[in-house]
Amino acid sequence: MRIRSWTQVSRPAPGSFSHFGGLWEFQLKSGEQTPRHSQGSEEIIVALEGEGVVTLAGQPIPLQPGEVVWVPARTDHSIGNANGATLRGLSMEISLTGAEEETSGDEKVSESDLESIIDSIPDQVDEATSLQLIIQLFDTAGILSEQIDDAIGLESETGLAALQNIERRVMDAVVRISRSYTSEDGLFPRRF
């Protein structure tokens, strides 16, 4: 799996209701799949070469060159290649700004969500995937921390022990990601 982040050279104009959150070029060999994840922004996935499947909220959506899949905000999804030829495409993130942006305060996660992220860590990760996984880990741990605080409080022995367990698992996962990190320049030749 190779993922390369493209550089954004402009910022949204004042008063814009949305902004470009990022662009990533991905390349998946047969059998490879991105980690299952969700974020607070919408995502547009474009297939450029090869065939794949976007699993969106548990539902597989076939993806062929020239096709686009829209991923709503806060929807679990992953991109996979189960066919053989290399799947190459783009993933674009679009976020709402200011008052239009939805808050994620009502979002609920469980320890199994954290375990899913940890289990999805590949043996080798590039910079973009490493950062994406670490952000997912910390976001999920933060939501779990808030849920523990709301349910039993972080001042209690039980609440503190639960929080420490989550923190330990997240830090172990970050160490695992750092050991799997490989830096490669020039992942894909420029085609545009």
N, C-alpha and C. Protein backbone atom coordinates (compact mmCIF):
# COMPACT_ATOMS: atom_id res chain seq x y z
N MET A 1 0.85 -1.17 0.00
CA MET A 1 0.00 0.00 0.00
C MET A 1 0.89 1.23 0.00
N ARG A 2 0.58 2.13 -0.88
CA ARG A 2 1.31 3.39 -0.93
C ARG A 2 0.30 4.52 -0.97
N ILE A 3 0.51 5.50 -0.12
CA ILE A 3 -0.37 6.67 -0.08
C ILE A 3 0.53 7.90 -0.03
N ARG A 4 0.26 8.83 -0.93
CA ARG A 4 1.04 10.06 -0.97
C ARG A 4 0.11 11.25 -0.86
N SER A 5 0.43 12.13 0.06
CA SER A 5 -0.35 13.35 0.24
C SER A 5 0.13 14.41 -0.74
N TRP A 6 -0.81 15.07 -1.38
CA TRP A 6 -0.49 16.17 -2.28
C TRP A 6 -0.50 17.46 -1.48
N THR A 7 0.26 18.43 -1.90
CA THR A 7 0.40 19.68 -1.19
C THR A 7 -0.68 20.68 -1.61
N GLN A 8 -1.34 21.24 -0.62
CA GLN A 8 -2.36 22.27 -0.88
C GLN A 8 -1.67 23.63 -0.89
N VAL A 9 -1.90 24.40 -1.93
CA VAL A 9 -1.20 25.69 -2.05
C VAL A 9 -2.10 26.89 -1.86
N SER A 10 -3.39 26.68 -1.59
CA SER A 10 -4.28 27.80 -1.34
C SER A 10 -5.18 27.48 -0.15
N ARG A 11 -5.80 28.47 0.41
CA ARG A 11 -6.69 28.32 1.56
C ARG A 11 -8.08 28.83 1.18
N PRO A 12 -9.13 28.38 1.92
CA PRO A 12 -10.48 28.84 1.58
C PRO A 12 -10.63 30.35 1.78
N ALA A 13 -11.46 30.94 0.96
CA ALA A 13 -11.73 32.37 1.09
C ALA A 13 -12.58 32.62 2.34
N PRO A 14 -12.41 33.78 2.97
CA PRO A 14 -13.25 34.11 4.12
C PRO A 14 -14.73 34.00 3.74
N GLY A 15 -15.52 33.40 4.62
CA GLY A 15 -16.94 33.24 4.37
C GLY A 15 -17.31 31.96 3.64
N SER A 16 -16.31 31.17 3.23
CA SER A 16 -16.61 29.90 2.55
C SER A 16 -17.30 28.94 3.51
N PHE A 17 -18.24 28.17 3.00
CA PHE A 17 -18.93 27.19 3.82
C PHE A 17 -18.22 25.85 3.85
N SER A 18 -17.29 25.65 2.94
CA SER A 18 -16.53 24.40 2.93
C SER A 18 -15.10 24.70 2.53
N HIS A 19 -14.23 23.73 2.81
CA HIS A 19 -12.85 23.88 2.38
C HIS A 19 -12.28 22.51 2.01
N PHE A 20 -11.27 22.56 1.19
CA PHE A 20 -10.55 21.39 0.74
C PHE A 20 -9.68 20.91 1.89
N GLY A 21 -9.91 19.70 2.38
CA GLY A 21 -9.17 19.20 3.53
C GLY A 21 -7.90 18.47 3.17
N GLY A 22 -7.79 17.96 1.97
CA GLY A 22 -6.59 17.25 1.58
C GLY A 22 -6.83 16.38 0.36
N LEU A 23 -5.75 15.97 -0.28
CA LEU A 23 -5.80 15.10 -1.45
C LEU A 23 -4.70 14.06 -1.30
N TRP A 24 -5.07 12.82 -1.46
CA TRP A 24 -4.12 11.73 -1.35
C TRP A 24 -4.21 10.86 -2.59
N GLU A 25 -3.07 10.47 -3.11
CA GLU A 25 -3.00 9.51 -4.19
C GLU A 25 -2.69 8.17 -3.55
N PHE A 26 -3.46 7.14 -3.90
CA PHE A 26 -3.23 5.83 -3.30
C PHE A 26 -2.96 4.79 -4.37
N GLN A 27 -2.22 3.77 -3.98
CA GLN A 27 -1.91 2.65 -4.85
C GLN A 27 -2.00 1.39 -4.00
N LEU A 28 -2.88 0.46 -4.39
CA LEU A 28 -3.10 -0.76 -3.64
C LEU A 28 -2.83 -1.96 -4.54
N LYS A 29 -1.97 -2.85 -4.09
CA LYS A 29 -1.72 -4.09 -4.82
C LYS A 29 -2.84 -5.07 -4.49
N SER A 30 -2.89 -6.16 -5.22
CA SER A 30 -3.92 -7.18 -4.99
C SER A 30 -3.92 -7.62 -3.53
N GLY A 31 -5.10 -7.63 -2.92
CA GLY A 31 -5.24 -8.07 -1.53
C GLY A 31 -5.04 -6.98 -0.50
N GLU A 32 -4.57 -5.81 -0.91
CA GLU A 32 -4.34 -4.73 0.06
C GLU A 32 -5.62 -3.93 0.29
N GLN A 33 -5.73 -3.37 1.48
CA GLN A 33 -6.89 -2.57 1.85
C GLN A 33 -6.44 -1.48 2.81
N THR A 34 -7.01 -0.29 2.64
CA THR A 34 -6.72 0.79 3.58
C THR A 34 -7.36 0.46 4.92
N PRO A 35 -6.88 1.05 6.01
CA PRO A 35 -7.55 0.83 7.30
C PRO A 35 -8.98 1.35 7.26
N ARG A 36 -9.87 0.67 7.93
CA ARG A 36 -11.24 1.16 8.07
C ARG A 36 -11.20 2.41 8.93
N HIS A 37 -11.86 3.46 8.48
CA HIS A 37 -11.81 4.71 9.23
C HIS A 37 -13.02 5.58 8.91
N SER A 38 -13.21 6.60 9.70
CA SER A 38 -14.21 7.63 9.43
C SER A 38 -13.62 8.94 9.91
N GLN A 39 -14.12 10.04 9.38
CA GLN A 39 -13.66 11.35 9.81
C GLN A 39 -14.83 12.32 9.76
N GLY A 40 -14.64 13.48 10.30
CA GLY A 40 -15.70 14.48 10.35
C GLY A 40 -15.93 15.21 9.06
N SER A 41 -15.22 14.83 8.00
CA SER A 41 -15.37 15.50 6.72
C SER A 41 -15.87 14.50 5.68
N GLU A 42 -16.36 15.04 4.57
CA GLU A 42 -16.78 14.20 3.45
C GLU A 42 -15.54 13.81 2.64
N GLU A 43 -15.65 12.71 1.94
CA GLU A 43 -14.52 12.25 1.15
C GLU A 43 -15.03 11.81 -0.22
N ILE A 44 -14.25 12.10 -1.24
CA ILE A 44 -14.57 11.68 -2.60
C ILE A 44 -13.44 10.77 -3.05
N ILE A 45 -13.77 9.55 -3.46
CA ILE A 45 -12.78 8.57 -3.89
C ILE A 45 -12.94 8.37 -5.39
N VAL A 46 -11.83 8.52 -6.13
CA VAL A 46 -11.84 8.43 -7.59
C VAL A 46 -10.88 7.32 -8.01
N ALA A 47 -11.36 6.39 -8.82
CA ALA A 47 -10.51 5.33 -9.36
C ALA A 47 -9.86 5.81 -10.65
N LEU A 48 -8.55 5.67 -10.75
CA LEU A 48 -7.83 6.06 -11.97
C LEU A 48 -7.41 4.84 -12.78
N GLU A 49 -6.94 3.79 -12.11
CA GLU A 49 -6.49 2.57 -12.78
C GLU A 49 -6.84 1.37 -11.92
N GLY A 50 -7.12 0.24 -12.54
CA GLY A 50 -7.41 -0.99 -11.82
C GLY A 50 -8.84 -1.00 -11.29
N GLU A 51 -9.18 -2.07 -10.59
CA GLU A 51 -10.51 -2.22 -10.03
C GLU A 51 -10.41 -2.48 -8.54
N GLY A 52 -11.40 -2.00 -7.81
CA GLY A 52 -11.39 -2.20 -6.37
C GLY A 52 -12.78 -2.17 -5.80
N VAL A 53 -12.83 -2.09 -4.48
CA VAL A 53 -14.09 -2.04 -3.75
C VAL A 53 -13.96 -1.02 -2.64
N VAL A 54 -14.93 -0.13 -2.53
CA VAL A 54 -15.02 0.76 -1.38
C VAL A 54 -16.07 0.14 -0.47
N THR A 55 -15.68 -0.18 0.76
CA THR A 55 -16.64 -0.70 1.72
C THR A 55 -17.12 0.49 2.52
N LEU A 56 -18.39 0.83 2.33
CA LEU A 56 -18.98 2.04 2.90
C LEU A 56 -20.07 1.62 3.87
N ALA A 57 -19.84 1.88 5.17
CA ALA A 57 -20.79 1.48 6.21
C ALA A 57 -21.14 0.00 6.09
N GLY A 58 -20.12 -0.81 5.81
CA GLY A 58 -20.30 -2.25 5.72
C GLY A 58 -20.78 -2.77 4.38
N GLN A 59 -21.12 -1.88 3.44
CA GLN A 59 -21.65 -2.27 2.13
C GLN A 59 -20.56 -2.12 1.06
N PRO A 60 -20.26 -3.20 0.31
CA PRO A 60 -19.26 -3.09 -0.75
C PRO A 60 -19.79 -2.36 -1.98
N ILE A 61 -18.99 -1.44 -2.51
CA ILE A 61 -19.33 -0.71 -3.73
C ILE A 61 -18.18 -0.93 -4.72
N PRO A 62 -18.44 -1.64 -5.84
CA PRO A 62 -17.38 -1.85 -6.82
C PRO A 62 -16.88 -0.52 -7.37
N LEU A 63 -15.60 -0.47 -7.69
CA LEU A 63 -14.98 0.77 -8.17
C LEU A 63 -14.09 0.46 -9.37
N GLN A 64 -14.37 1.12 -10.50
CA GLN A 64 -13.60 0.94 -11.72
C GLN A 64 -13.06 2.28 -12.18
N PRO A 65 -12.07 2.29 -13.07
CA PRO A 65 -11.52 3.56 -13.56
C PRO A 65 -12.60 4.50 -14.07
N GLY A 66 -12.50 5.75 -13.65
CA GLY A 66 -13.45 6.77 -14.07
C GLY A 66 -14.67 6.87 -13.17
N GLU A 67 -14.76 6.00 -12.16
CA GLU A 67 -15.90 6.05 -11.25
C GLU A 67 -15.52 6.76 -9.96
N VAL A 68 -16.54 7.34 -9.32
CA VAL A 68 -16.35 8.14 -8.11
C VAL A 68 -17.31 7.62 -7.03
N VAL A 69 -16.81 7.54 -5.79
CA VAL A 69 -17.65 7.19 -4.64
C VAL A 69 -17.60 8.35 -3.67
N TRP A 70 -18.75 8.80 -3.23
CA TRP A 70 -18.87 9.86 -2.23
C TRP A 70 -19.05 9.21 -0.87
N VAL A 71 -18.25 9.63 0.11
CA VAL A 71 -18.33 9.09 1.46
C VAL A 71 -18.82 10.20 2.38
N PRO A 72 -20.00 10.03 2.99
CA PRO A 72 -20.50 11.05 3.92
C PRO A 72 -19.60 11.17 5.15
N ALA A 73 -19.64 12.32 5.79
CA ALA A 73 -18.86 12.52 7.03
C ALA A 73 -19.28 11.48 8.07
N ARG A 74 -18.32 11.08 8.88
CA ARG A 74 -18.53 10.14 9.99
C ARG A 74 -19.10 8.80 9.55
N THR A 75 -18.68 8.33 8.39
CA THR A 75 -19.11 7.03 7.88
C THR A 75 -17.89 6.13 7.75
N ASP A 76 -17.94 4.96 8.42
CA ASP A 76 -16.84 4.00 8.31
C ASP A 76 -16.67 3.58 6.86
N HIS A 77 -15.42 3.54 6.41
CA HIS A 77 -15.15 3.11 5.04
C HIS A 77 -13.71 2.66 4.89
N SER A 78 -13.46 1.90 3.84
CA SER A 78 -12.11 1.49 3.47
C SER A 78 -12.10 1.26 1.96
N ILE A 79 -10.89 1.25 1.40
CA ILE A 79 -10.72 1.01 -0.02
C ILE A 79 -9.89 -0.26 -0.14
N GLY A 80 -10.33 -1.19 -0.98
CA GLY A 80 -9.60 -2.44 -1.12
C GLY A 80 -9.42 -2.85 -2.57
N ASN A 81 -8.41 -3.69 -2.77
CA ASN A 81 -8.14 -4.26 -4.09
C ASN A 81 -8.11 -5.77 -3.93
N ALA A 82 -9.14 -6.43 -4.41
CA ALA A 82 -9.19 -7.88 -4.32
C ALA A 82 -8.97 -8.53 -5.67
N ASN A 83 -8.64 -7.75 -6.69
CA ASN A 83 -8.60 -8.27 -8.06
C ASN A 83 -7.22 -8.62 -8.59
N GLY A 84 -6.24 -8.05 -8.50
CA GLY A 84 -5.01 -8.47 -9.14
C GLY A 84 -4.21 -7.32 -9.67
N ALA A 85 -4.77 -6.59 -10.63
CA ALA A 85 -4.07 -5.43 -11.16
C ALA A 85 -4.05 -4.34 -10.09
N THR A 86 -3.01 -3.56 -10.07
CA THR A 86 -2.87 -2.49 -9.09
C THR A 86 -4.01 -1.49 -9.21
N LEU A 87 -4.58 -1.12 -8.07
CA LEU A 87 -5.63 -0.10 -8.01
C LEU A 87 -4.95 1.22 -7.67
N ARG A 88 -5.18 2.23 -8.50
CA ARG A 88 -4.60 3.55 -8.28
C ARG A 88 -5.72 4.57 -8.34
N GLY A 89 -5.72 5.50 -7.39
CA GLY A 89 -6.76 6.50 -7.38
C GLY A 89 -6.45 7.68 -6.51
N LEU A 90 -7.46 8.54 -6.35
CA LEU A 90 -7.33 9.74 -5.53
C LEU A 90 -8.42 9.74 -4.48
N SER A 91 -8.09 10.31 -3.33
CA SER A 91 -9.06 10.51 -2.26
C SER A 91 -9.00 11.97 -1.86
N MET A 92 -10.15 12.66 -1.95
CA MET A 92 -10.21 14.09 -1.64
C MET A 92 -11.11 14.31 -0.44
N GLU A 93 -10.64 15.09 0.51
CA GLU A 93 -11.40 15.40 1.72
C GLU A 93 -11.96 16.82 1.62
N ILE A 94 -13.27 16.94 1.91
CA ILE A 94 -13.92 18.25 1.89
C ILE A 94 -14.59 18.44 3.24
N SER A 95 -14.25 19.52 3.93
CA SER A 95 -14.79 19.79 5.25
C SER A 95 -15.65 21.04 5.25
N LEU A 96 -16.63 21.04 6.13
CA LEU A 96 -17.44 22.24 6.33
C LEU A 96 -16.68 23.17 7.27
N THR A 97 -16.93 24.47 7.15
CA THR A 97 -16.24 25.43 8.00
C THR A 97 -17.23 26.15 8.90
N GLY A 98 -16.73 26.72 9.97
CA GLY A 98 -17.49 27.59 10.86
C GLY A 98 -18.78 27.01 11.37
N ALA A 99 -19.84 27.81 11.35
CA ALA A 99 -21.12 27.44 11.94
C ALA A 99 -21.77 26.28 11.20
N GLU A 100 -21.42 26.06 9.95
CA GLU A 100 -22.03 24.98 9.18
C GLU A 100 -21.51 23.62 9.59
N GLU A 101 -20.35 23.58 10.25
CA GLU A 101 -19.74 22.30 10.58
C GLU A 101 -20.50 21.61 11.70
N GLU A 102 -20.76 20.30 11.50
CA GLU A 102 -21.42 19.53 12.54
C GLU A 102 -20.43 19.20 13.63
N THR A 103 -20.92 19.12 14.85
CA THR A 103 -20.04 18.72 15.95
C THR A 103 -20.10 17.23 16.10
N SER A 104 -19.01 16.66 16.59
CA SER A 104 -18.96 15.21 16.77
C SER A 104 -19.21 14.83 18.22
N GLY A 105 -19.73 15.74 19.03
CA GLY A 105 -19.94 15.47 20.44
C GLY A 105 -20.90 14.34 20.70
N ASP A 106 -21.83 14.04 19.78
CA ASP A 106 -22.78 12.96 19.98
C ASP A 106 -22.25 11.62 19.46
N GLU A 107 -21.07 11.63 18.86
CA GLU A 107 -20.51 10.42 18.30
C GLU A 107 -20.13 9.45 19.43
N LYS A 108 -20.52 8.18 19.27
CA LYS A 108 -20.21 7.14 20.24
C LYS A 108 -19.26 6.15 19.61
N VAL A 109 -18.28 5.72 20.37
CA VAL A 109 -17.36 4.68 19.93
C VAL A 109 -17.25 3.65 21.05
N SER A 110 -16.67 2.51 20.73
CA SER A 110 -16.47 1.48 21.73
C SER A 110 -15.01 1.02 21.67
N GLU A 111 -14.63 0.22 22.63
CA GLU A 111 -13.27 -0.30 22.63
C GLU A 111 -13.01 -1.16 21.40
N SER A 112 -14.06 -1.78 20.87
CA SER A 112 -13.88 -2.59 19.66
C SER A 112 -13.51 -1.70 18.46
N ASP A 113 -13.97 -0.44 18.45
CA ASP A 113 -13.56 0.49 17.40
C ASP A 113 -12.05 0.76 17.49
N LEU A 114 -11.58 0.93 18.71
CA LEU A 114 -10.15 1.14 18.93
C LEU A 114 -9.37 -0.09 18.50
N GLU A 115 -9.86 -1.27 18.85
CA GLU A 115 -9.19 -2.52 18.47
C GLU A 115 -9.17 -2.70 16.95
N SER A 116 -10.24 -2.29 16.27
CA SER A 116 -10.28 -2.40 14.80
C SER A 116 -9.18 -1.56 14.16
N ILE A 117 -8.97 -0.37 14.70
CA ILE A 117 -7.91 0.49 14.17
C ILE A 117 -6.55 -0.17 14.41
N ILE A 118 -6.35 -0.67 15.62
CA ILE A 118 -5.08 -1.31 15.96
C ILE A 118 -4.85 -2.54 15.09
N ASP A 119 -5.89 -3.35 14.89
CA ASP A 119 -5.77 -4.56 14.07
C ASP A 119 -5.50 -4.23 12.61
N SER A 120 -5.86 -3.04 12.16
CA SER A 120 -5.70 -2.68 10.75
C SER A 120 -4.30 -2.15 10.42
N ILE A 121 -3.42 -2.03 11.42
CA ILE A 121 -2.08 -1.49 11.18
C ILE A 121 -1.29 -2.49 10.32
N PRO A 122 -0.90 -2.09 9.11
CA PRO A 122 -0.15 -3.00 8.23
C PRO A 122 1.29 -3.16 8.69
N ASP A 123 1.96 -4.16 8.12
CA ASP A 123 3.36 -4.42 8.48
C ASP A 123 4.28 -3.31 8.03
N GLN A 124 3.93 -2.63 6.93
CA GLN A 124 4.71 -1.49 6.46
C GLN A 124 3.75 -0.34 6.19
N VAL A 125 4.07 0.84 6.71
CA VAL A 125 3.23 2.01 6.49
C VAL A 125 4.08 3.17 6.01
N ASP A 126 3.49 3.98 5.14
CA ASP A 126 4.18 5.19 4.69
C ASP A 126 3.76 6.36 5.58
N GLU A 127 4.27 7.53 5.28
CA GLU A 127 4.03 8.69 6.13
C GLU A 127 2.55 9.05 6.24
N ALA A 128 1.86 9.12 5.10
CA ALA A 128 0.45 9.52 5.14
C ALA A 128 -0.40 8.52 5.91
N THR A 129 -0.17 7.23 5.69
CA THR A 129 -0.93 6.21 6.41
C THR A 129 -0.61 6.25 7.89
N SER A 130 0.67 6.45 8.23
CA SER A 130 1.07 6.54 9.64
C SER A 130 0.33 7.67 10.34
N LEU A 131 0.34 8.84 9.72
CA LEU A 131 -0.35 9.98 10.32
C LEU A 131 -1.84 9.75 10.42
N GLN A 132 -2.44 9.18 9.39
CA GLN A 132 -3.87 8.91 9.40
C GLN A 132 -4.23 7.94 10.54
N LEU A 133 -3.45 6.88 10.70
CA LEU A 133 -3.71 5.92 11.77
C LEU A 133 -3.56 6.55 13.15
N ILE A 134 -2.51 7.34 13.34
CA ILE A 134 -2.28 7.98 14.64
C ILE A 134 -3.42 8.95 14.97
N ILE A 135 -3.87 9.71 13.99
CA ILE A 135 -4.99 10.63 14.22
C ILE A 135 -6.25 9.85 14.60
N GLN A 136 -6.51 8.75 13.89
CA GLN A 136 -7.68 7.92 14.21
C GLN A 136 -7.58 7.37 15.64
N LEU A 137 -6.40 6.91 16.02
CA LEU A 137 -6.20 6.37 17.37
C LEU A 137 -6.50 7.43 18.43
N PHE A 138 -5.93 8.62 18.25
CA PHE A 138 -6.11 9.68 19.25
C PHE A 138 -7.54 10.21 19.26
N ASP A 139 -8.17 10.31 18.09
CA ASP A 139 -9.58 10.75 18.05
C ASP A 139 -10.47 9.75 18.78
N THR A 140 -10.28 8.48 18.49
CA THR A 140 -11.09 7.43 19.13
C THR A 140 -10.84 7.40 20.63
N ALA A 141 -9.58 7.49 21.04
CA ALA A 141 -9.26 7.49 22.47
C ALA A 141 -9.86 8.71 23.16
N GLY A 142 -9.87 9.86 22.50
CA GLY A 142 -10.46 11.06 23.08
C GLY A 142 -11.95 10.91 23.31
N ILE A 143 -12.65 10.33 22.33
CA ILE A 143 -14.09 10.11 22.48
C ILE A 143 -14.35 9.10 23.59
N LEU A 144 -13.54 8.02 23.63
CA LEU A 144 -13.69 7.03 24.70
C LEU A 144 -13.47 7.67 26.07
N SER A 145 -12.48 8.54 26.18
CA SER A 145 -12.20 9.24 27.44
C SER A 145 -13.40 10.07 27.88
N GLU A 146 -14.01 10.79 26.93
CA GLU A 146 -15.20 11.59 27.26
C GLU A 146 -16.35 10.70 27.71
N GLN A 147 -16.52 9.56 27.04
CA GLN A 147 -17.59 8.64 27.41
C GLN A 147 -17.37 8.06 28.80
N ILE A 148 -16.13 7.73 29.13
CA ILE A 148 -15.82 7.21 30.46
C ILE A 148 -16.10 8.28 31.50
N ASP A 149 -15.67 9.51 31.21
CA ASP A 149 -15.89 10.62 32.14
C ASP A 149 -17.38 10.84 32.38
N ASP A 150 -18.18 10.80 31.30
CA ASP A 150 -19.62 10.99 31.43
C ASP A 150 -20.28 9.85 32.20
N ALA A 151 -19.81 8.62 31.98
CA ALA A 151 -20.47 7.46 32.58
C ALA A 151 -20.08 7.23 34.05
N ILE A 152 -18.76 7.27 34.35
CA ILE A 152 -18.34 6.96 35.72
C ILE A 152 -17.36 7.97 36.31
N GLY A 153 -16.93 8.90 35.50
CA GLY A 153 -16.00 9.92 35.99
C GLY A 153 -14.56 9.45 35.93
N LEU A 154 -13.66 10.38 35.67
CA LEU A 154 -12.24 10.06 35.61
C LEU A 154 -11.57 10.17 36.97
N GLU A 155 -12.31 10.69 37.96
CA GLU A 155 -11.77 10.79 39.31
C GLU A 155 -11.86 9.46 40.05
N SER A 156 -12.78 8.59 39.62
CA SER A 156 -12.95 7.30 40.28
C SER A 156 -11.81 6.37 39.90
N GLU A 157 -11.55 5.39 40.75
CA GLU A 157 -10.49 4.42 40.49
C GLU A 157 -10.78 3.63 39.22
N THR A 158 -12.03 3.26 39.04
CA THR A 158 -12.43 2.49 37.86
C THR A 158 -12.27 3.31 36.59
N GLY A 159 -12.72 4.56 36.63
CA GLY A 159 -12.60 5.44 35.47
C GLY A 159 -11.16 5.70 35.10
N LEU A 160 -10.33 5.96 36.10
CA LEU A 160 -8.91 6.21 35.86
C LEU A 160 -8.22 4.97 35.30
N ALA A 161 -8.56 3.79 35.83
CA ALA A 161 -7.95 2.55 35.33
C ALA A 161 -8.35 2.31 33.87
N ALA A 162 -9.62 2.56 33.55
CA ALA A 162 -10.08 2.38 32.17
C ALA A 162 -9.36 3.33 31.23
N LEU A 163 -9.20 4.59 31.64
CA LEU A 163 -8.50 5.58 30.83
C LEU A 163 -7.03 5.18 30.63
N GLN A 164 -6.37 4.74 31.69
CA GLN A 164 -4.97 4.33 31.59
C GLN A 164 -4.81 3.15 30.65
N ASN A 165 -5.77 2.22 30.66
CA ASN A 165 -5.73 1.07 29.76
C ASN A 165 -5.82 1.53 28.31
N ILE A 166 -6.72 2.45 28.04
CA ILE A 166 -6.87 2.98 26.67
C ILE A 166 -5.60 3.70 26.24
N GLU A 167 -5.06 4.55 27.12
CA GLU A 167 -3.83 5.29 26.80
C GLU A 167 -2.68 4.33 26.50
N ARG A 168 -2.57 3.26 27.29
CA ARG A 168 -1.48 2.29 27.09
C ARG A 168 -1.63 1.59 25.72
N ARG A 169 -2.85 1.21 25.37
CA ARG A 169 -3.09 0.54 24.10
C ARG A 169 -2.79 1.48 22.93
N VAL A 170 -3.17 2.74 23.06
CA VAL A 170 -2.90 3.71 22.00
C VAL A 170 -1.39 3.93 21.84
N MET A 171 -0.69 4.09 22.94
CA MET A 171 0.76 4.33 22.85
C MET A 171 1.48 3.10 22.30
N ASP A 172 1.05 1.89 22.69
CA ASP A 172 1.64 0.67 22.11
C ASP A 172 1.41 0.63 20.60
N ALA A 173 0.22 1.06 20.16
CA ALA A 173 -0.08 1.09 18.73
C ALA A 173 0.78 2.12 18.00
N VAL A 174 1.00 3.28 18.61
CA VAL A 174 1.86 4.30 18.01
C VAL A 174 3.29 3.77 17.85
N VAL A 175 3.77 3.06 18.85
CA VAL A 175 5.11 2.45 18.76
C VAL A 175 5.13 1.43 17.62
N ARG A 176 4.08 0.64 17.51
CA ARG A 176 3.98 -0.35 16.43
C ARG A 176 3.99 0.34 15.07
N ILE A 177 3.26 1.44 14.94
CA ILE A 177 3.24 2.19 13.69
C ILE A 177 4.64 2.73 13.38
N SER A 178 5.31 3.27 14.38
CA SER A 178 6.65 3.84 14.14
C SER A 178 7.64 2.76 13.72
N ARG A 179 7.48 1.55 14.22
CA ARG A 179 8.37 0.44 13.81
C ARG A 179 8.06 -0.04 12.40
N SER A 180 6.83 0.17 11.95
CA SER A 180 6.41 -0.26 10.62
C SER A 180 6.64 0.81 9.56
N TYR A 181 7.01 2.01 10.00
CA TYR A 181 7.14 3.15 9.10
C TYR A 181 8.28 2.97 8.12
N THR A 182 7.98 3.18 6.84
CA THR A 182 9.02 3.20 5.80
C THR A 182 8.85 4.48 5.00
N SER A 183 9.93 5.15 4.73
CA SER A 183 9.87 6.40 3.98
C SER A 183 10.32 6.14 2.56
N GLU A 184 9.44 6.47 1.62
CA GLU A 184 9.77 6.34 0.21
C GLU A 184 9.42 7.64 -0.48
N ASP A 185 10.32 8.13 -1.28
CA ASP A 185 10.05 9.34 -2.05
C ASP A 185 9.62 8.94 -3.46
N GLY A 186 8.85 9.79 -4.06
CA GLY A 186 8.47 9.56 -5.45
C GLY A 186 7.64 8.30 -5.64
N LEU A 187 6.59 8.14 -4.84
CA LEU A 187 5.78 6.93 -4.93
C LEU A 187 5.18 6.73 -6.31
N PHE A 188 4.71 7.77 -6.91
CA PHE A 188 4.05 7.67 -8.20
C PHE A 188 4.61 8.71 -9.15
N PRO A 189 4.75 8.33 -10.41
CA PRO A 189 5.18 9.35 -11.36
C PRO A 189 4.06 10.36 -11.57
N ARG A 190 4.40 11.59 -11.75
CA ARG A 190 3.40 12.63 -12.04
C ARG A 190 2.75 12.33 -13.37
N ARG A 191 1.42 12.37 -13.40
CA ARG A 191 0.70 12.10 -14.63
C ARG A 191 -0.12 13.29 -15.07
N PHE A 192 -0.20 14.33 -14.28
CA PHE A 192 -1.03 15.47 -14.59
C PHE A 192 -0.16 16.69 -14.73
